[in-house]
Amino acid sequence: MWKRLLANPLSWLLAVVVAAGLAFGGYWFQPWKLFTDDVVDEALPQVQTAATGTPAPDPAAPGTDSPGSTASGSAPASPSPAGNQLLASGEFVTHEHETSGTAEVVQLADGRRQLVFRDFATSNGPDLRVWLSDQPVLDGRDGWFVFDDGQWAELDRLKGNRGDQVYEIPADVDLTSLTSVSIWCKRFSVSFGAAELAA
């Protein structure tokens, strides 16, 4: 076989071009990610609502069936006024790939802000980023390509396509104008899924 290739330079050149094309296509599209998951399980901040100062209910905690209820009839604990505050939240909607979970903007007691994903799930893919954007979240194909049309801030690469995760929001990011989050495939300029962040 090699003798035939060496005897015919055109065949050899064609073989090199095909091999290079396959290598580039594999790198660019990363098709194996369709069959793998990157699972993240980070500790999420406890939050209380900004309006009332009351802790957000934790369904797993005993004695939280209704507001103010406690175990053994004891008085409810007073939340710290300097605790973490839930500033905005929204549910993910599906764009190019099925996406679900909740996105939250949390201000920590020390003043730092974080974007929190709870029960998050989407498809794996190449070059996925977490973007805050000023674009509205539109259902269906209309929402796939809008997030690079206006202002946006890239927080980080997506840590994993499944699980709870936290992203730091830089102090200079204006959350009054950037009111949505997109899982943005930077390589193909398309949103996998997005959430509107409402107070």
N, C-alpha and C. Protein backbone atom coordinates (compact mmCIF):
# COMPACT_ATOMS: atom_id res chain seq x y z
N MET A 1 0.83 -1.21 0.00
CA MET A 1 0.00 0.00 0.00
C MET A 1 0.86 1.26 0.00
N TRP A 2 1.87 1.28 0.92
CA TRP A 2 2.71 2.47 1.00
C TRP A 2 3.49 2.68 -0.30
N LYS A 3 3.90 1.56 -0.92
CA LYS A 3 4.62 1.69 -2.19
C LYS A 3 3.73 2.33 -3.25
N ARG A 4 2.44 1.96 -3.23
CA ARG A 4 1.53 2.55 -4.22
C ARG A 4 1.35 4.04 -3.96
N LEU A 5 1.25 4.41 -2.65
CA LEU A 5 1.09 5.83 -2.33
C LEU A 5 2.32 6.63 -2.74
N LEU A 6 3.50 6.08 -2.43
CA LEU A 6 4.72 6.80 -2.78
C LEU A 6 4.90 6.89 -4.29
N ALA A 7 4.42 5.86 -5.00
CA ALA A 7 4.54 5.87 -6.46
C ALA A 7 3.59 6.87 -7.08
N ASN A 8 2.51 7.21 -6.38
CA ASN A 8 1.52 8.15 -6.91
C ASN A 8 1.40 9.33 -5.95
N PRO A 9 2.14 10.41 -6.15
CA PRO A 9 2.12 11.56 -5.23
C PRO A 9 0.73 12.14 -5.02
N LEU A 10 -0.12 12.08 -6.03
CA LEU A 10 -1.47 12.63 -5.89
C LEU A 10 -2.27 11.85 -4.86
N SER A 11 -2.13 10.52 -4.85
CA SER A 11 -2.81 9.70 -3.84
C SER A 11 -2.30 10.02 -2.45
N TRP A 12 -0.98 10.21 -2.35
CA TRP A 12 -0.38 10.54 -1.05
C TRP A 12 -0.91 11.89 -0.54
N LEU A 13 -0.98 12.86 -1.42
CA LEU A 13 -1.48 14.18 -1.04
C LEU A 13 -2.94 14.11 -0.62
N LEU A 14 -3.73 13.32 -1.34
CA LEU A 14 -5.14 13.16 -1.00
C LEU A 14 -5.29 12.53 0.38
N ALA A 15 -4.45 11.52 0.69
CA ALA A 15 -4.52 10.87 2.00
C ALA A 15 -4.19 11.86 3.11
N VAL A 16 -3.20 12.72 2.89
CA VAL A 16 -2.82 13.72 3.89
C VAL A 16 -3.96 14.72 4.11
N VAL A 17 -4.58 15.17 3.03
CA VAL A 17 -5.68 16.13 3.12
C VAL A 17 -6.86 15.52 3.87
N VAL A 18 -7.21 14.28 3.58
CA VAL A 18 -8.32 13.61 4.26
C VAL A 18 -8.03 13.46 5.75
N ALA A 19 -6.81 13.04 6.09
CA ALA A 19 -6.44 12.87 7.50
C ALA A 19 -6.50 14.20 8.23
N ALA A 20 -5.98 15.26 7.59
CA ALA A 20 -6.02 16.59 8.22
C ALA A 20 -7.46 17.07 8.39
N GLY A 21 -8.30 16.79 7.41
CA GLY A 21 -9.71 17.19 7.50
C GLY A 21 -10.43 16.48 8.63
N LEU A 22 -10.15 15.19 8.79
CA LEU A 22 -10.78 14.44 9.88
C LEU A 22 -10.31 14.95 11.24
N ALA A 23 -9.02 15.25 11.35
CA ALA A 23 -8.49 15.76 12.62
C ALA A 23 -9.10 17.12 12.96
N PHE A 24 -9.17 17.99 11.96
CA PHE A 24 -9.75 19.32 12.20
C PHE A 24 -11.24 19.21 12.55
N GLY A 25 -11.97 18.37 11.81
CA GLY A 25 -13.40 18.20 12.10
C GLY A 25 -13.64 17.66 13.49
N GLY A 26 -12.78 16.72 13.92
CA GLY A 26 -12.92 16.20 15.27
C GLY A 26 -12.69 17.26 16.32
N TYR A 27 -11.65 18.09 16.12
CA TYR A 27 -11.38 19.17 17.06
C TYR A 27 -12.50 20.20 17.07
N TRP A 28 -12.97 20.58 15.89
CA TRP A 28 -13.94 21.68 15.77
C TRP A 28 -15.30 21.30 16.32
N PHE A 29 -15.79 20.11 15.98
CA PHE A 29 -17.13 19.71 16.38
C PHE A 29 -17.15 18.89 17.68
N GLN A 30 -16.06 18.23 18.02
CA GLN A 30 -15.97 17.41 19.22
C GLN A 30 -17.21 16.53 19.40
N PRO A 31 -17.49 15.65 18.42
CA PRO A 31 -18.74 14.88 18.45
C PRO A 31 -18.86 13.93 19.64
N TRP A 32 -17.74 13.53 20.24
CA TRP A 32 -17.82 12.63 21.39
C TRP A 32 -18.54 13.26 22.58
N LYS A 33 -18.61 14.61 22.62
CA LYS A 33 -19.28 15.26 23.74
C LYS A 33 -20.79 15.02 23.74
N LEU A 34 -21.34 14.60 22.61
CA LEU A 34 -22.76 14.26 22.57
C LEU A 34 -23.07 13.05 23.44
N PHE A 35 -22.06 12.27 23.75
CA PHE A 35 -22.26 11.02 24.49
C PHE A 35 -21.63 11.03 25.88
N THR A 36 -21.12 12.19 26.31
CA THR A 36 -20.50 12.29 27.62
C THR A 36 -21.10 13.45 28.41
N ASP A 37 -21.05 13.37 29.74
CA ASP A 37 -21.49 14.44 30.62
C ASP A 37 -20.35 14.87 31.51
N ASP A 38 -20.26 16.17 31.75
CA ASP A 38 -19.36 16.73 32.75
C ASP A 38 -20.23 17.19 33.91
N VAL A 39 -20.18 16.48 35.04
CA VAL A 39 -21.05 16.74 36.18
C VAL A 39 -20.29 17.56 37.22
N VAL A 40 -20.94 18.64 37.69
CA VAL A 40 -20.38 19.52 38.71
C VAL A 40 -21.31 19.50 39.91
N ASP A 41 -20.75 19.49 41.11
CA ASP A 41 -21.56 19.48 42.33
C ASP A 41 -20.92 20.43 43.34
N GLU A 42 -21.04 21.74 43.08
CA GLU A 42 -20.44 22.74 43.96
C GLU A 42 -21.40 23.10 45.10
N ALA A 43 -20.84 23.53 46.22
CA ALA A 43 -21.64 24.02 47.33
C ALA A 43 -22.28 25.34 46.94
N LEU A 44 -23.60 25.44 47.14
CA LEU A 44 -24.33 26.65 46.75
C LEU A 44 -24.59 27.52 47.98
N PRO A 45 -24.58 28.84 47.80
CA PRO A 45 -24.80 29.73 48.94
C PRO A 45 -26.25 29.66 49.43
N GLN A 46 -26.43 29.68 50.75
CA GLN A 46 -27.77 29.83 51.34
C GLN A 46 -28.20 31.27 51.10
N VAL A 47 -29.47 31.47 50.77
CA VAL A 47 -29.93 32.83 50.46
C VAL A 47 -31.18 33.17 51.24
N GLN A 48 -31.41 34.47 51.38
CA GLN A 48 -32.67 34.97 51.88
C GLN A 48 -33.16 36.01 50.89
N THR A 49 -34.48 36.22 50.85
CA THR A 49 -35.02 37.14 49.86
C THR A 49 -34.66 38.57 50.21
N ALA A 50 -34.35 39.37 49.19
CA ALA A 50 -33.95 40.75 49.43
C ALA A 50 -35.09 41.58 50.00
N ALA A 51 -36.33 41.28 49.59
CA ALA A 51 -37.46 42.11 50.00
C ALA A 51 -37.82 41.93 51.47
N THR A 52 -37.77 40.69 51.96
CA THR A 52 -38.25 40.44 53.31
C THR A 52 -37.16 40.11 54.30
N GLY A 53 -36.00 39.73 53.81
CA GLY A 53 -34.94 39.34 54.71
C GLY A 53 -35.15 37.96 55.29
N THR A 54 -36.13 37.20 54.79
CA THR A 54 -36.39 35.87 55.31
C THR A 54 -35.65 34.84 54.48
N PRO A 55 -35.19 33.76 55.11
CA PRO A 55 -34.46 32.76 54.34
C PRO A 55 -35.35 32.11 53.30
N ALA A 56 -34.78 31.77 52.15
CA ALA A 56 -35.52 31.01 51.15
C ALA A 56 -35.80 29.62 51.72
N PRO A 57 -37.02 29.08 51.53
CA PRO A 57 -37.35 27.80 52.13
C PRO A 57 -36.50 26.67 51.58
N ASP A 58 -36.13 25.76 52.46
CA ASP A 58 -35.38 24.57 52.07
C ASP A 58 -36.28 23.38 52.29
N PRO A 59 -36.81 22.77 51.22
CA PRO A 59 -37.76 21.69 51.37
C PRO A 59 -37.21 20.50 52.15
N ALA A 60 -35.89 20.35 52.18
CA ALA A 60 -35.31 19.20 52.87
C ALA A 60 -35.16 19.43 54.36
N ALA A 61 -35.30 20.70 54.78
CA ALA A 61 -35.11 20.99 56.20
C ALA A 61 -36.36 20.66 56.99
N PRO A 62 -36.20 20.09 58.23
CA PRO A 62 -37.37 19.77 59.04
C PRO A 62 -38.05 21.03 59.54
N GLY A 63 -39.38 20.96 59.65
CA GLY A 63 -40.12 22.08 60.21
C GLY A 63 -40.27 23.25 59.28
N THR A 64 -40.18 23.06 57.97
CA THR A 64 -40.32 24.19 57.04
C THR A 64 -41.50 23.96 56.11
N ASP A 65 -42.55 23.28 56.61
CA ASP A 65 -43.72 23.04 55.78
C ASP A 65 -44.46 24.32 55.49
N SER A 66 -44.40 25.28 56.39
CA SER A 66 -45.05 26.56 56.18
C SER A 66 -44.18 27.64 56.78
N PRO A 67 -44.34 28.91 56.33
CA PRO A 67 -43.50 30.00 56.84
C PRO A 67 -43.65 30.13 58.35
N GLY A 68 -42.51 30.20 59.05
CA GLY A 68 -42.53 30.40 60.49
C GLY A 68 -42.67 29.12 61.28
N SER A 69 -42.94 27.98 60.63
CA SER A 69 -43.10 26.74 61.38
C SER A 69 -41.75 26.23 61.82
N THR A 70 -41.68 25.63 62.98
CA THR A 70 -40.44 25.09 63.51
C THR A 70 -40.70 23.77 64.18
N ALA A 71 -39.64 22.99 64.37
CA ALA A 71 -39.76 21.73 65.07
C ALA A 71 -39.95 21.99 66.56
N SER A 72 -40.74 21.17 67.23
CA SER A 72 -40.97 21.20 68.68
C SER A 72 -41.59 22.51 69.14
N GLY A 73 -42.20 23.27 68.24
CA GLY A 73 -42.90 24.48 68.64
C GLY A 73 -42.00 25.62 69.05
N SER A 74 -40.71 25.53 68.82
CA SER A 74 -39.80 26.60 69.23
C SER A 74 -39.97 27.80 68.31
N ALA A 75 -39.53 28.96 68.75
CA ALA A 75 -39.67 30.19 67.97
C ALA A 75 -38.76 30.13 66.74
N PRO A 76 -39.20 30.70 65.62
CA PRO A 76 -38.36 30.70 64.43
C PRO A 76 -37.09 31.51 64.64
N ALA A 77 -36.00 31.05 64.04
CA ALA A 77 -34.74 31.76 64.17
C ALA A 77 -34.79 33.05 63.36
N SER A 78 -34.20 34.11 63.88
CA SER A 78 -34.16 35.39 63.16
C SER A 78 -33.00 35.38 62.19
N PRO A 79 -33.28 35.62 60.90
CA PRO A 79 -32.17 35.63 59.94
C PRO A 79 -31.28 36.84 60.15
N SER A 80 -30.02 36.68 59.85
CA SER A 80 -29.09 37.79 59.95
C SER A 80 -29.40 38.82 58.87
N PRO A 81 -29.53 40.11 59.22
CA PRO A 81 -29.82 41.12 58.20
C PRO A 81 -28.66 41.27 57.21
N ALA A 82 -27.48 40.77 57.57
CA ALA A 82 -26.32 40.88 56.69
C ALA A 82 -26.08 39.60 55.91
N GLY A 83 -27.09 38.72 55.83
CA GLY A 83 -26.91 37.44 55.15
C GLY A 83 -26.92 37.59 53.64
N ASN A 84 -26.74 36.47 52.96
CA ASN A 84 -26.76 36.46 51.50
C ASN A 84 -28.16 36.80 51.00
N GLN A 85 -28.22 37.60 49.92
CA GLN A 85 -29.49 38.07 49.38
C GLN A 85 -29.71 37.51 47.96
N LEU A 86 -30.91 37.01 47.71
CA LEU A 86 -31.30 36.61 46.36
C LEU A 86 -31.78 37.85 45.62
N LEU A 87 -31.04 38.28 44.61
CA LEU A 87 -31.37 39.50 43.88
C LEU A 87 -32.28 39.25 42.68
N ALA A 88 -32.10 38.13 42.00
CA ALA A 88 -32.88 37.82 40.80
C ALA A 88 -32.78 36.33 40.50
N SER A 89 -33.78 35.82 39.79
CA SER A 89 -33.74 34.40 39.43
C SER A 89 -34.62 34.16 38.21
N GLY A 90 -34.44 33.01 37.60
CA GLY A 90 -35.25 32.62 36.45
C GLY A 90 -35.00 31.18 36.08
N GLU A 91 -35.94 30.60 35.34
CA GLU A 91 -35.84 29.22 34.89
C GLU A 91 -35.24 29.17 33.48
N PHE A 92 -34.36 28.21 33.25
CA PHE A 92 -33.78 28.04 31.93
C PHE A 92 -34.83 27.55 30.94
N VAL A 93 -34.74 28.05 29.70
CA VAL A 93 -35.55 27.55 28.60
C VAL A 93 -34.60 26.94 27.56
N THR A 94 -35.12 26.04 26.78
CA THR A 94 -34.33 25.34 25.77
C THR A 94 -34.15 26.19 24.52
N HIS A 95 -32.93 26.23 24.02
CA HIS A 95 -32.66 26.81 22.72
C HIS A 95 -32.17 25.69 21.80
N GLU A 96 -30.90 25.72 21.36
CA GLU A 96 -30.47 24.69 20.42
C GLU A 96 -30.46 23.29 21.06
N HIS A 97 -30.19 23.23 22.37
CA HIS A 97 -30.16 21.94 23.06
C HIS A 97 -31.05 22.02 24.30
N GLU A 98 -31.66 20.89 24.65
CA GLU A 98 -32.57 20.86 25.81
C GLU A 98 -31.81 21.31 27.06
N THR A 99 -32.37 22.30 27.74
CA THR A 99 -31.72 22.91 28.91
C THR A 99 -32.77 23.13 29.99
N SER A 100 -32.39 22.87 31.25
CA SER A 100 -33.32 23.06 32.37
C SER A 100 -32.53 23.45 33.62
N GLY A 101 -33.27 23.90 34.63
CA GLY A 101 -32.66 24.32 35.89
C GLY A 101 -33.00 25.76 36.21
N THR A 102 -32.45 26.26 37.30
CA THR A 102 -32.70 27.61 37.78
C THR A 102 -31.40 28.39 37.83
N ALA A 103 -31.46 29.65 37.39
CA ALA A 103 -30.33 30.57 37.51
C ALA A 103 -30.68 31.62 38.55
N GLU A 104 -29.75 31.93 39.43
CA GLU A 104 -29.97 32.92 40.48
C GLU A 104 -28.78 33.87 40.56
N VAL A 105 -29.09 35.14 40.82
CA VAL A 105 -28.05 36.11 41.15
C VAL A 105 -28.11 36.32 42.65
N VAL A 106 -26.99 36.04 43.32
CA VAL A 106 -26.92 36.11 44.78
C VAL A 106 -25.86 37.13 45.17
N GLN A 107 -26.23 38.01 46.09
CA GLN A 107 -25.23 38.92 46.68
C GLN A 107 -24.86 38.34 48.04
N LEU A 108 -23.58 38.06 48.21
CA LEU A 108 -23.10 37.48 49.46
C LEU A 108 -22.99 38.53 50.55
N ALA A 109 -22.89 38.07 51.77
CA ALA A 109 -22.80 38.99 52.91
C ALA A 109 -21.59 39.91 52.81
N ASP A 110 -20.53 39.46 52.13
CA ASP A 110 -19.33 40.29 51.99
C ASP A 110 -19.39 41.24 50.79
N GLY A 111 -20.54 41.25 50.09
CA GLY A 111 -20.72 42.18 48.97
C GLY A 111 -20.46 41.58 47.61
N ARG A 112 -19.77 40.44 47.54
CA ARG A 112 -19.54 39.81 46.24
C ARG A 112 -20.85 39.28 45.67
N ARG A 113 -20.91 39.20 44.32
CA ARG A 113 -22.09 38.69 43.64
C ARG A 113 -21.73 37.42 42.89
N GLN A 114 -22.67 36.49 42.89
CA GLN A 114 -22.45 35.22 42.21
C GLN A 114 -23.66 34.85 41.38
N LEU A 115 -23.39 34.18 40.26
CA LEU A 115 -24.44 33.57 39.46
C LEU A 115 -24.46 32.09 39.83
N VAL A 116 -25.62 31.60 40.25
CA VAL A 116 -25.76 30.25 40.78
C VAL A 116 -26.69 29.45 39.88
N PHE A 117 -26.26 28.26 39.49
CA PHE A 117 -27.11 27.32 38.75
C PHE A 117 -27.53 26.20 39.70
N ARG A 118 -28.84 26.00 39.82
CA ARG A 118 -29.37 24.91 40.64
C ARG A 118 -30.06 23.89 39.74
N ASP A 119 -29.77 22.60 40.00
CA ASP A 119 -30.38 21.50 39.23
C ASP A 119 -30.24 21.74 37.72
N PHE A 120 -29.07 22.17 37.31
CA PHE A 120 -28.83 22.56 35.93
C PHE A 120 -28.54 21.35 35.06
N ALA A 121 -29.04 21.37 33.83
CA ALA A 121 -28.75 20.31 32.86
C ALA A 121 -28.87 20.87 31.45
N THR A 122 -27.89 20.57 30.60
CA THR A 122 -27.93 20.88 29.18
C THR A 122 -27.08 19.83 28.46
N SER A 123 -26.97 19.94 27.15
CA SER A 123 -26.10 19.04 26.41
C SER A 123 -24.66 19.51 26.53
N ASN A 124 -23.75 18.57 26.44
CA ASN A 124 -22.34 18.91 26.38
C ASN A 124 -22.03 19.44 24.98
N GLY A 125 -20.97 20.21 24.85
CA GLY A 125 -20.64 20.74 23.54
C GLY A 125 -19.31 21.48 23.58
N PRO A 126 -18.82 21.89 22.42
CA PRO A 126 -17.53 22.57 22.35
C PRO A 126 -17.63 24.05 22.71
N ASP A 127 -16.66 24.52 23.48
CA ASP A 127 -16.47 25.96 23.71
C ASP A 127 -17.71 26.64 24.30
N LEU A 128 -18.29 26.04 25.34
CA LEU A 128 -19.48 26.61 25.98
C LEU A 128 -19.07 27.64 27.03
N ARG A 129 -19.74 28.78 27.02
CA ARG A 129 -19.43 29.89 27.93
C ARG A 129 -20.70 30.28 28.68
N VAL A 130 -20.50 30.95 29.82
CA VAL A 130 -21.61 31.52 30.60
C VAL A 130 -21.60 33.02 30.37
N TRP A 131 -22.67 33.50 29.72
CA TRP A 131 -22.78 34.92 29.38
C TRP A 131 -23.96 35.55 30.12
N LEU A 132 -23.72 36.75 30.65
CA LEU A 132 -24.81 37.65 31.04
C LEU A 132 -25.05 38.59 29.86
N SER A 133 -26.31 38.89 29.58
CA SER A 133 -26.64 39.65 28.36
C SER A 133 -27.78 40.62 28.64
N ASP A 134 -27.88 41.63 27.76
CA ASP A 134 -29.01 42.56 27.85
C ASP A 134 -30.15 42.15 26.90
N GLN A 135 -30.03 41.01 26.24
CA GLN A 135 -31.04 40.57 25.28
C GLN A 135 -32.17 39.81 25.98
N PRO A 136 -33.40 39.92 25.50
CA PRO A 136 -34.51 39.18 26.09
C PRO A 136 -34.37 37.69 25.77
N VAL A 137 -34.95 36.87 26.62
CA VAL A 137 -34.95 35.43 26.39
C VAL A 137 -36.20 35.08 25.59
N LEU A 138 -35.99 34.57 24.39
CA LEU A 138 -37.08 34.21 23.50
C LEU A 138 -37.17 32.70 23.39
N ASP A 139 -38.37 32.18 23.37
CA ASP A 139 -38.55 30.74 23.23
C ASP A 139 -38.24 30.31 21.79
N GLY A 140 -37.81 29.07 21.67
CA GLY A 140 -37.62 28.48 20.35
C GLY A 140 -36.45 29.05 19.59
N ARG A 141 -36.47 28.81 18.28
CA ARG A 141 -35.34 29.18 17.42
C ARG A 141 -35.10 30.69 17.38
N ASP A 142 -36.13 31.50 17.64
CA ASP A 142 -35.96 32.95 17.65
C ASP A 142 -34.93 33.40 18.67
N GLY A 143 -34.73 32.61 19.73
CA GLY A 143 -33.80 33.01 20.78
C GLY A 143 -32.40 32.45 20.64
N TRP A 144 -32.13 31.68 19.58
CA TRP A 144 -30.85 31.00 19.47
C TRP A 144 -29.66 31.93 19.28
N PHE A 145 -29.83 33.01 18.53
CA PHE A 145 -28.68 33.76 18.05
C PHE A 145 -28.62 35.20 18.55
N VAL A 146 -29.45 35.60 19.51
CA VAL A 146 -29.58 37.02 19.85
C VAL A 146 -28.57 37.54 20.86
N PHE A 147 -27.90 36.66 21.60
CA PHE A 147 -27.18 37.12 22.78
C PHE A 147 -25.88 37.86 22.50
N ASP A 148 -25.37 37.78 21.29
CA ASP A 148 -24.20 38.59 20.94
C ASP A 148 -24.59 39.83 20.15
N ASP A 149 -25.90 40.15 20.11
CA ASP A 149 -26.37 41.32 19.36
C ASP A 149 -26.18 42.62 20.13
N GLY A 150 -26.22 42.56 21.46
CA GLY A 150 -26.13 43.77 22.27
C GLY A 150 -24.94 43.71 23.20
N GLN A 151 -25.17 44.10 24.47
CA GLN A 151 -24.12 44.05 25.48
C GLN A 151 -24.12 42.67 26.15
N TRP A 152 -22.94 42.20 26.47
CA TRP A 152 -22.83 40.93 27.19
C TRP A 152 -21.53 40.91 27.97
N ALA A 153 -21.50 40.05 28.98
CA ALA A 153 -20.29 39.85 29.79
C ALA A 153 -20.08 38.36 29.95
N GLU A 154 -18.90 37.90 29.60
CA GLU A 154 -18.57 36.49 29.76
C GLU A 154 -18.02 36.24 31.15
N LEU A 155 -18.68 35.36 31.91
CA LEU A 155 -18.22 35.08 33.27
C LEU A 155 -17.14 34.01 33.30
N ASP A 156 -17.29 32.98 32.47
CA ASP A 156 -16.33 31.88 32.50
C ASP A 156 -16.74 30.85 31.46
N ARG A 157 -15.89 29.85 31.27
CA ARG A 157 -16.31 28.66 30.54
C ARG A 157 -17.32 27.90 31.40
N LEU A 158 -18.26 27.21 30.76
CA LEU A 158 -19.21 26.40 31.50
C LEU A 158 -18.44 25.28 32.20
N LYS A 159 -18.62 25.16 33.52
CA LYS A 159 -17.85 24.18 34.29
C LYS A 159 -18.29 22.75 33.99
N GLY A 160 -19.57 22.57 33.76
CA GLY A 160 -20.09 21.24 33.47
C GLY A 160 -21.48 21.37 32.89
N ASN A 161 -21.90 20.37 32.12
CA ASN A 161 -23.23 20.48 31.51
C ASN A 161 -24.33 19.95 32.43
N ARG A 162 -23.95 19.45 33.62
CA ARG A 162 -24.94 19.01 34.60
C ARG A 162 -24.48 19.37 36.01
N GLY A 163 -25.46 19.72 36.86
CA GLY A 163 -25.17 19.88 38.27
C GLY A 163 -25.16 21.31 38.76
N ASP A 164 -25.06 21.45 40.09
CA ASP A 164 -25.04 22.74 40.77
C ASP A 164 -23.68 23.40 40.58
N GLN A 165 -23.69 24.70 40.26
CA GLN A 165 -22.42 25.39 40.02
C GLN A 165 -22.55 26.88 40.29
N VAL A 166 -21.40 27.52 40.54
CA VAL A 166 -21.35 28.92 40.95
C VAL A 166 -20.32 29.66 40.11
N TYR A 167 -20.69 30.88 39.67
CA TYR A 167 -19.79 31.73 38.89
C TYR A 167 -19.71 33.11 39.54
N GLU A 168 -18.50 33.62 39.70
CA GLU A 168 -18.32 34.95 40.27
C GLU A 168 -18.71 36.01 39.24
N ILE A 169 -19.42 37.04 39.69
CA ILE A 169 -19.78 38.17 38.83
C ILE A 169 -18.87 39.34 39.19
N PRO A 170 -18.04 39.81 38.27
CA PRO A 170 -17.12 40.92 38.58
C PRO A 170 -17.88 42.16 39.04
N ALA A 171 -17.21 42.95 39.87
CA ALA A 171 -17.84 44.13 40.46
C ALA A 171 -18.26 45.15 39.41
N ASP A 172 -17.57 45.18 38.26
CA ASP A 172 -17.88 46.19 37.25
C ASP A 172 -19.00 45.77 36.30
N VAL A 173 -19.59 44.59 36.49
CA VAL A 173 -20.70 44.14 35.64
C VAL A 173 -21.99 44.79 36.13
N ASP A 174 -22.69 45.48 35.21
CA ASP A 174 -23.92 46.21 35.53
C ASP A 174 -25.12 45.28 35.41
N LEU A 175 -25.63 44.83 36.55
CA LEU A 175 -26.76 43.90 36.55
C LEU A 175 -28.10 44.58 36.28
N THR A 176 -28.11 45.92 36.23
CA THR A 176 -29.36 46.59 35.87
C THR A 176 -29.62 46.49 34.37
N SER A 177 -28.58 46.30 33.57
CA SER A 177 -28.77 46.18 32.13
C SER A 177 -28.60 44.75 31.63
N LEU A 178 -27.78 43.96 32.29
CA LEU A 178 -27.56 42.57 31.89
C LEU A 178 -28.51 41.68 32.69
N THR A 179 -29.66 41.40 32.11
CA THR A 179 -30.75 40.77 32.86
C THR A 179 -31.11 39.38 32.33
N SER A 180 -30.21 38.76 31.61
CA SER A 180 -30.44 37.39 31.17
C SER A 180 -29.11 36.65 31.18
N VAL A 181 -29.19 35.32 31.22
CA VAL A 181 -28.01 34.49 31.16
C VAL A 181 -28.19 33.48 30.04
N SER A 182 -27.11 33.26 29.27
CA SER A 182 -27.15 32.29 28.19
C SER A 182 -25.98 31.32 28.33
N ILE A 183 -26.24 30.05 28.02
CA ILE A 183 -25.16 29.08 27.83
C ILE A 183 -24.79 29.21 26.35
N TRP A 184 -23.72 29.93 26.09
CA TRP A 184 -23.38 30.38 24.76
C TRP A 184 -22.27 29.51 24.18
N CYS A 185 -22.53 28.92 23.01
CA CYS A 185 -21.51 28.17 22.28
C CYS A 185 -20.74 29.18 21.44
N LYS A 186 -19.58 29.56 21.93
CA LYS A 186 -18.82 30.63 21.27
C LYS A 186 -18.32 30.19 19.90
N ARG A 187 -18.04 28.92 19.74
CA ARG A 187 -17.50 28.44 18.47
C ARG A 187 -18.51 28.58 17.34
N PHE A 188 -19.81 28.33 17.64
CA PHE A 188 -20.83 28.38 16.59
C PHE A 188 -21.83 29.52 16.78
N SER A 189 -21.57 30.41 17.76
CA SER A 189 -22.41 31.59 18.00
C SER A 189 -23.88 31.23 18.12
N VAL A 190 -24.18 30.34 19.07
CA VAL A 190 -25.56 29.90 19.29
C VAL A 190 -25.77 29.64 20.78
N SER A 191 -26.99 29.89 21.24
CA SER A 191 -27.34 29.65 22.64
C SER A 191 -27.87 28.22 22.80
N PHE A 192 -27.30 27.49 23.77
CA PHE A 192 -27.85 26.16 24.09
C PHE A 192 -29.13 26.30 24.91
N GLY A 193 -29.17 27.30 25.79
CA GLY A 193 -30.33 27.57 26.64
C GLY A 193 -30.11 28.87 27.37
N ALA A 194 -31.18 29.46 27.91
CA ALA A 194 -31.05 30.78 28.55
C ALA A 194 -32.14 30.95 29.61
N ALA A 195 -31.90 31.93 30.49
CA ALA A 195 -32.87 32.25 31.55
C ALA A 195 -32.95 33.76 31.72
N GLU A 196 -34.18 34.24 31.88
CA GLU A 196 -34.41 35.64 32.22
C GLU A 196 -34.20 35.79 33.72
N LEU A 197 -33.46 36.83 34.12
CA LEU A 197 -33.16 37.05 35.54
C LEU A 197 -34.05 38.18 36.05
N ALA A 198 -35.12 37.80 36.75
CA ALA A 198 -36.11 38.77 37.23
C ALA A 198 -35.98 38.92 38.74
N ALA A 199 -36.12 40.16 39.21
CA ALA A 199 -36.04 40.42 40.65
C ALA A 199 -37.19 39.74 41.38
